[in-house]
Structure formats: structure tokens, C-alpha cells
Amino acid sequence: MGPAVPASRVGWGVASSIMPRARLCARPGCGEPAAATLAFQYATKTAWLDDLAESEPCAIDLCRRHADRLTPPIGWQGHDRRAGSQPAPAPAQVAS
């Protein structure tokens, strides 16, 4: 006989295959539903913000509020490709 399964895990696989989980914003402390997907490529220093897309391991889900406030890091290009979006703001400039 195999190891005992904790009561909290009994039926876990069955329930998750029947009821899909709601995708939430990945920002810590935010429990809002995801509305956009952030993907990035380090080699080209490029980030893309798209309408909520298929869940991928290298992408980050964001709620509308956090997606709207997102700015690319200094030296990166950001592309907001969401439907009805405004052009992404330019990264902050560092005073030399």
C-alpha cells in the first residue's frame, strides 16, 4: 500500500480538471483577475504586453491596473499590443 494522501489533496486532480482556475494578477498582494500577459526577451531587451493570452511558463499575467501602469526598464523597449491601448511610455531617463 502506498503512502497516505493528505485529506486536503484527496480529489485535487479531479477538481482541477473539471473547474478551471481563474488566472490572477502575478503582482504580490494583488488578487484581481488577469487582463493582460507580459512577455519579454532578455537578448533584445524587449517586452510585449498583450491581451490575456494562453498561459505560458515565460509570461506573466497582470490585472488591468498593473498592466496600465507598466513601464519598461531603462534601456528596454516596450510594446503595448493590447486592443485599444495607448503607446507605451518611454523609459525614465537617468540624469548623468
N, C-alpha and C. Protein backbone atom coordinates (compact mmCIF):
# COMPACT_ATOMS: atom_id res chain seq x y z
N MET A 1 0.84 -1.18 0.00
CA MET A 1 0.00 0.00 0.00
C MET A 1 0.88 1.24 0.00
N GLY A 2 0.53 2.26 -0.79
CA GLY A 2 1.34 3.46 -0.94
C GLY A 2 1.20 4.40 0.25
N PRO A 3 1.92 5.51 0.21
CA PRO A 3 1.84 6.48 1.31
C PRO A 3 0.46 7.12 1.39
N ALA A 4 0.10 7.52 2.59
CA ALA A 4 -1.20 8.16 2.80
C ALA A 4 -1.23 9.52 2.11
N VAL A 5 -2.36 9.85 1.52
CA VAL A 5 -2.53 11.14 0.87
C VAL A 5 -3.22 12.08 1.84
N PRO A 6 -2.66 13.29 2.06
CA PRO A 6 -3.31 14.23 2.98
C PRO A 6 -4.74 14.51 2.54
N ALA A 7 -5.64 14.69 3.51
CA ALA A 7 -7.05 14.93 3.21
C ALA A 7 -7.24 16.14 2.30
N SER A 8 -6.39 17.16 2.44
CA SER A 8 -6.52 18.36 1.63
C SER A 8 -6.19 18.09 0.16
N ARG A 9 -5.52 16.97 -0.14
CA ARG A 9 -5.13 16.65 -1.51
C ARG A 9 -6.03 15.61 -2.17
N VAL A 10 -6.93 15.02 -1.39
CA VAL A 10 -7.80 13.99 -1.94
C VAL A 10 -8.70 14.63 -3.00
N GLY A 11 -8.72 14.05 -4.19
CA GLY A 11 -9.57 14.55 -5.26
C GLY A 11 -9.06 15.81 -5.92
N TRP A 12 -7.91 16.28 -5.55
CA TRP A 12 -7.37 17.53 -6.08
C TRP A 12 -7.26 17.49 -7.60
N GLY A 13 -6.71 16.41 -8.17
CA GLY A 13 -6.55 16.32 -9.61
C GLY A 13 -7.87 16.31 -10.35
N VAL A 14 -8.88 15.69 -9.78
CA VAL A 14 -10.19 15.62 -10.42
C VAL A 14 -10.83 16.99 -10.45
N ALA A 15 -10.82 17.70 -9.33
CA ALA A 15 -11.46 19.01 -9.26
C ALA A 15 -10.78 19.99 -10.20
N SER A 16 -9.44 19.96 -10.29
CA SER A 16 -8.74 20.92 -11.12
C SER A 16 -8.97 20.67 -12.60
N SER A 17 -9.28 19.41 -12.99
CA SER A 17 -9.53 19.14 -14.40
C SER A 17 -10.97 19.50 -14.79
N ILE A 18 -11.86 19.61 -13.81
CA ILE A 18 -13.25 19.93 -14.09
C ILE A 18 -13.47 21.45 -14.03
N MET A 19 -12.93 22.08 -13.02
CA MET A 19 -13.13 23.51 -12.82
C MET A 19 -11.83 24.26 -13.09
N PRO A 20 -11.74 25.00 -14.20
CA PRO A 20 -10.51 25.73 -14.47
C PRO A 20 -10.30 26.84 -13.44
N ARG A 21 -9.07 27.06 -13.09
CA ARG A 21 -8.74 28.11 -12.14
C ARG A 21 -8.78 29.47 -12.82
N ALA A 22 -9.26 30.46 -12.09
CA ALA A 22 -9.23 31.83 -12.60
C ALA A 22 -7.79 32.31 -12.57
N ARG A 23 -7.35 32.94 -13.62
CA ARG A 23 -5.99 33.47 -13.66
C ARG A 23 -5.99 34.83 -12.99
N LEU A 24 -5.06 35.00 -12.06
CA LEU A 24 -4.98 36.23 -11.28
C LEU A 24 -3.71 36.98 -11.60
N CYS A 25 -3.69 38.25 -11.24
CA CYS A 25 -2.52 39.10 -11.41
C CYS A 25 -1.35 38.52 -10.63
N ALA A 26 -0.17 38.53 -11.24
CA ALA A 26 1.02 37.96 -10.63
C ALA A 26 1.70 38.90 -9.64
N ARG A 27 1.27 40.16 -9.57
CA ARG A 27 1.89 41.10 -8.64
C ARG A 27 1.57 40.68 -7.20
N PRO A 28 2.58 40.65 -6.34
CA PRO A 28 2.35 40.24 -4.95
C PRO A 28 1.29 41.12 -4.28
N GLY A 29 0.37 40.48 -3.59
CA GLY A 29 -0.66 41.18 -2.86
C GLY A 29 -1.87 41.57 -3.70
N CYS A 30 -1.83 41.33 -5.00
CA CYS A 30 -2.95 41.68 -5.88
C CYS A 30 -3.74 40.42 -6.19
N GLY A 31 -5.02 40.44 -5.95
CA GLY A 31 -5.86 39.30 -6.22
C GLY A 31 -6.83 39.54 -7.35
N GLU A 32 -6.60 40.60 -8.14
CA GLU A 32 -7.51 40.94 -9.24
C GLU A 32 -7.36 39.94 -10.39
N PRO A 33 -8.42 39.76 -11.17
CA PRO A 33 -8.33 38.87 -12.33
C PRO A 33 -7.33 39.39 -13.36
N ALA A 34 -6.62 38.48 -13.98
CA ALA A 34 -5.65 38.86 -15.01
C ALA A 34 -6.38 39.39 -16.24
N ALA A 35 -5.80 40.43 -16.87
CA ALA A 35 -6.39 41.03 -18.06
C ALA A 35 -5.38 41.14 -19.19
N ALA A 36 -4.10 40.96 -18.88
CA ALA A 36 -3.04 41.12 -19.88
C ALA A 36 -1.91 40.13 -19.59
N THR A 37 -1.13 39.85 -20.62
CA THR A 37 0.02 38.96 -20.49
C THR A 37 1.27 39.71 -20.87
N LEU A 38 2.27 39.69 -19.99
CA LEU A 38 3.56 40.32 -20.23
C LEU A 38 4.57 39.25 -20.62
N ALA A 39 5.19 39.44 -21.77
CA ALA A 39 6.25 38.54 -22.23
C ALA A 39 7.49 39.39 -22.50
N PHE A 40 8.64 38.80 -22.39
CA PHE A 40 9.86 39.58 -22.58
C PHE A 40 10.96 38.70 -23.13
N GLN A 41 11.96 39.37 -23.74
CA GLN A 41 13.12 38.67 -24.27
C GLN A 41 14.35 39.45 -23.83
N TYR A 42 15.15 38.83 -22.99
CA TYR A 42 16.33 39.50 -22.45
C TYR A 42 17.34 39.85 -23.53
N ALA A 43 17.53 38.98 -24.51
CA ALA A 43 18.56 39.19 -25.54
C ALA A 43 18.35 40.49 -26.30
N THR A 44 17.10 40.84 -26.58
CA THR A 44 16.82 42.06 -27.34
C THR A 44 16.33 43.20 -26.45
N LYS A 45 16.24 42.95 -25.14
CA LYS A 45 15.73 43.93 -24.18
C LYS A 45 14.40 44.49 -24.64
N THR A 46 13.47 43.56 -24.94
CA THR A 46 12.15 43.92 -25.43
C THR A 46 11.09 43.25 -24.57
N ALA A 47 10.02 44.01 -24.28
CA ALA A 47 8.89 43.47 -23.53
C ALA A 47 7.62 43.74 -24.32
N TRP A 48 6.69 42.77 -24.30
CA TRP A 48 5.42 42.90 -25.00
C TRP A 48 4.29 42.71 -24.01
N LEU A 49 3.31 43.58 -24.11
CA LEU A 49 2.12 43.48 -23.28
C LEU A 49 0.95 43.20 -24.22
N ASP A 50 0.33 42.04 -24.08
CA ASP A 50 -0.75 41.61 -24.95
C ASP A 50 -2.02 41.39 -24.14
N ASP A 51 -3.16 41.35 -24.86
CA ASP A 51 -4.39 40.92 -24.20
C ASP A 51 -4.12 39.54 -23.61
N LEU A 52 -4.88 39.16 -22.61
CA LEU A 52 -4.66 37.89 -21.93
C LEU A 52 -4.55 36.76 -22.95
N ALA A 53 -3.42 36.09 -22.92
CA ALA A 53 -3.13 35.03 -23.89
C ALA A 53 -3.09 33.69 -23.16
N GLU A 54 -2.85 32.64 -23.92
CA GLU A 54 -2.69 31.31 -23.33
C GLU A 54 -1.60 31.36 -22.27
N SER A 55 -1.79 30.63 -21.21
CA SER A 55 -0.82 30.59 -20.13
C SER A 55 0.48 29.95 -20.61
N GLU A 56 1.59 30.66 -20.41
CA GLU A 56 2.90 30.16 -20.81
C GLU A 56 3.86 30.31 -19.63
N PRO A 57 4.84 29.41 -19.52
CA PRO A 57 5.75 29.47 -18.38
C PRO A 57 6.62 30.72 -18.34
N CYS A 58 6.90 31.33 -19.48
CA CYS A 58 7.79 32.51 -19.52
C CYS A 58 7.02 33.82 -19.62
N ALA A 59 5.73 33.80 -19.35
CA ALA A 59 4.91 35.01 -19.43
C ALA A 59 4.31 35.29 -18.05
N ILE A 60 3.95 36.55 -17.84
CA ILE A 60 3.42 36.99 -16.56
C ILE A 60 2.04 37.57 -16.78
N ASP A 61 1.06 37.14 -16.01
CA ASP A 61 -0.30 37.68 -16.08
C ASP A 61 -0.41 38.90 -15.18
N LEU A 62 -1.05 39.95 -15.70
CA LEU A 62 -1.26 41.18 -14.92
C LEU A 62 -2.72 41.61 -15.00
N CYS A 63 -3.21 42.24 -13.94
CA CYS A 63 -4.55 42.82 -13.97
C CYS A 63 -4.49 44.11 -14.80
N ARG A 64 -5.64 44.66 -15.11
CA ARG A 64 -5.68 45.87 -15.95
C ARG A 64 -4.93 47.03 -15.30
N ARG A 65 -5.10 47.22 -13.99
CA ARG A 65 -4.44 48.34 -13.31
C ARG A 65 -2.92 48.23 -13.40
N HIS A 66 -2.37 47.06 -13.11
CA HIS A 66 -0.92 46.91 -13.15
C HIS A 66 -0.39 46.93 -14.59
N ALA A 67 -1.15 46.41 -15.53
CA ALA A 67 -0.73 46.46 -16.93
C ALA A 67 -0.70 47.91 -17.43
N ASP A 68 -1.70 48.71 -17.05
CA ASP A 68 -1.77 50.10 -17.50
C ASP A 68 -0.63 50.94 -16.93
N ARG A 69 -0.13 50.58 -15.77
CA ARG A 69 0.93 51.36 -15.11
C ARG A 69 2.34 50.88 -15.44
N LEU A 70 2.42 49.83 -16.22
CA LEU A 70 3.72 49.22 -16.52
C LEU A 70 4.56 50.11 -17.43
N THR A 71 5.83 50.27 -17.10
CA THR A 71 6.78 50.96 -17.97
C THR A 71 8.00 50.05 -18.13
N PRO A 72 8.63 50.05 -19.30
CA PRO A 72 9.80 49.19 -19.49
C PRO A 72 10.99 49.70 -18.69
N PRO A 73 11.89 48.82 -18.30
CA PRO A 73 13.10 49.25 -17.60
C PRO A 73 13.97 50.14 -18.51
N ILE A 74 14.83 50.90 -17.92
CA ILE A 74 15.75 51.76 -18.68
C ILE A 74 16.56 50.88 -19.63
N GLY A 75 16.61 51.30 -20.90
CA GLY A 75 17.35 50.55 -21.91
C GLY A 75 16.52 49.49 -22.63
N TRP A 76 15.29 49.29 -22.22
CA TRP A 76 14.40 48.31 -22.84
C TRP A 76 13.37 49.01 -23.70
N GLN A 77 12.83 48.28 -24.67
CA GLN A 77 11.71 48.76 -25.48
C GLN A 77 10.47 48.02 -25.04
N GLY A 78 9.38 48.77 -24.89
CA GLY A 78 8.12 48.15 -24.53
C GLY A 78 7.10 48.32 -25.64
N HIS A 79 6.34 47.29 -25.90
CA HIS A 79 5.33 47.30 -26.95
C HIS A 79 4.01 46.87 -26.34
N ASP A 80 3.07 47.82 -26.22
CA ASP A 80 1.74 47.51 -25.71
C ASP A 80 0.87 47.15 -26.90
N ARG A 81 0.60 45.87 -27.05
CA ARG A 81 -0.15 45.39 -28.21
C ARG A 81 -1.59 45.02 -27.85
N ARG A 82 -2.06 45.51 -26.70
CA ARG A 82 -3.44 45.23 -26.31
C ARG A 82 -4.40 46.02 -27.19
N ALA A 83 -5.57 45.47 -27.40
CA ALA A 83 -6.59 46.15 -28.20
C ALA A 83 -6.96 47.47 -27.53
N GLY A 84 -6.94 48.55 -28.29
CA GLY A 84 -7.32 49.87 -27.76
C GLY A 84 -6.30 50.50 -26.84
N SER A 85 -5.07 50.04 -26.85
CA SER A 85 -4.05 50.59 -25.94
C SER A 85 -3.42 51.86 -26.50
N GLN A 86 -2.88 52.65 -25.61
CA GLN A 86 -2.11 53.83 -25.97
C GLN A 86 -0.66 53.41 -26.12
N PRO A 87 0.17 54.17 -26.85
CA PRO A 87 1.60 53.81 -26.96
C PRO A 87 2.24 53.74 -25.57
N ALA A 88 3.14 52.80 -25.40
CA ALA A 88 3.83 52.63 -24.11
C ALA A 88 4.68 53.85 -23.81
N PRO A 89 4.71 54.31 -22.55
CA PRO A 89 5.55 55.45 -22.20
C PRO A 89 7.03 55.11 -22.35
N ALA A 90 7.82 56.12 -22.66
CA ALA A 90 9.27 55.91 -22.79
C ALA A 90 9.85 55.62 -21.41
N PRO A 91 10.94 54.85 -21.35
CA PRO A 91 11.56 54.58 -20.05
C PRO A 91 12.11 55.86 -19.44
N ALA A 92 12.20 55.87 -18.13
CA ALA A 92 12.73 57.04 -17.41
C ALA A 92 14.19 57.26 -17.79
N GLN A 93 14.57 58.50 -17.87
CA GLN A 93 15.96 58.84 -18.21
C GLN A 93 16.73 59.09 -16.92
N VAL A 94 17.96 58.64 -16.88
CA VAL A 94 18.80 58.83 -15.70
C VAL A 94 19.65 60.07 -15.93
N ALA A 95 19.64 60.96 -14.95
CA ALA A 95 20.46 62.19 -15.06
C ALA A 95 21.93 61.81 -14.88
N SER A 96 22.79 62.34 -15.75
CA SER A 96 24.22 62.00 -15.62
C SER A 96 25.00 63.11 -15.01
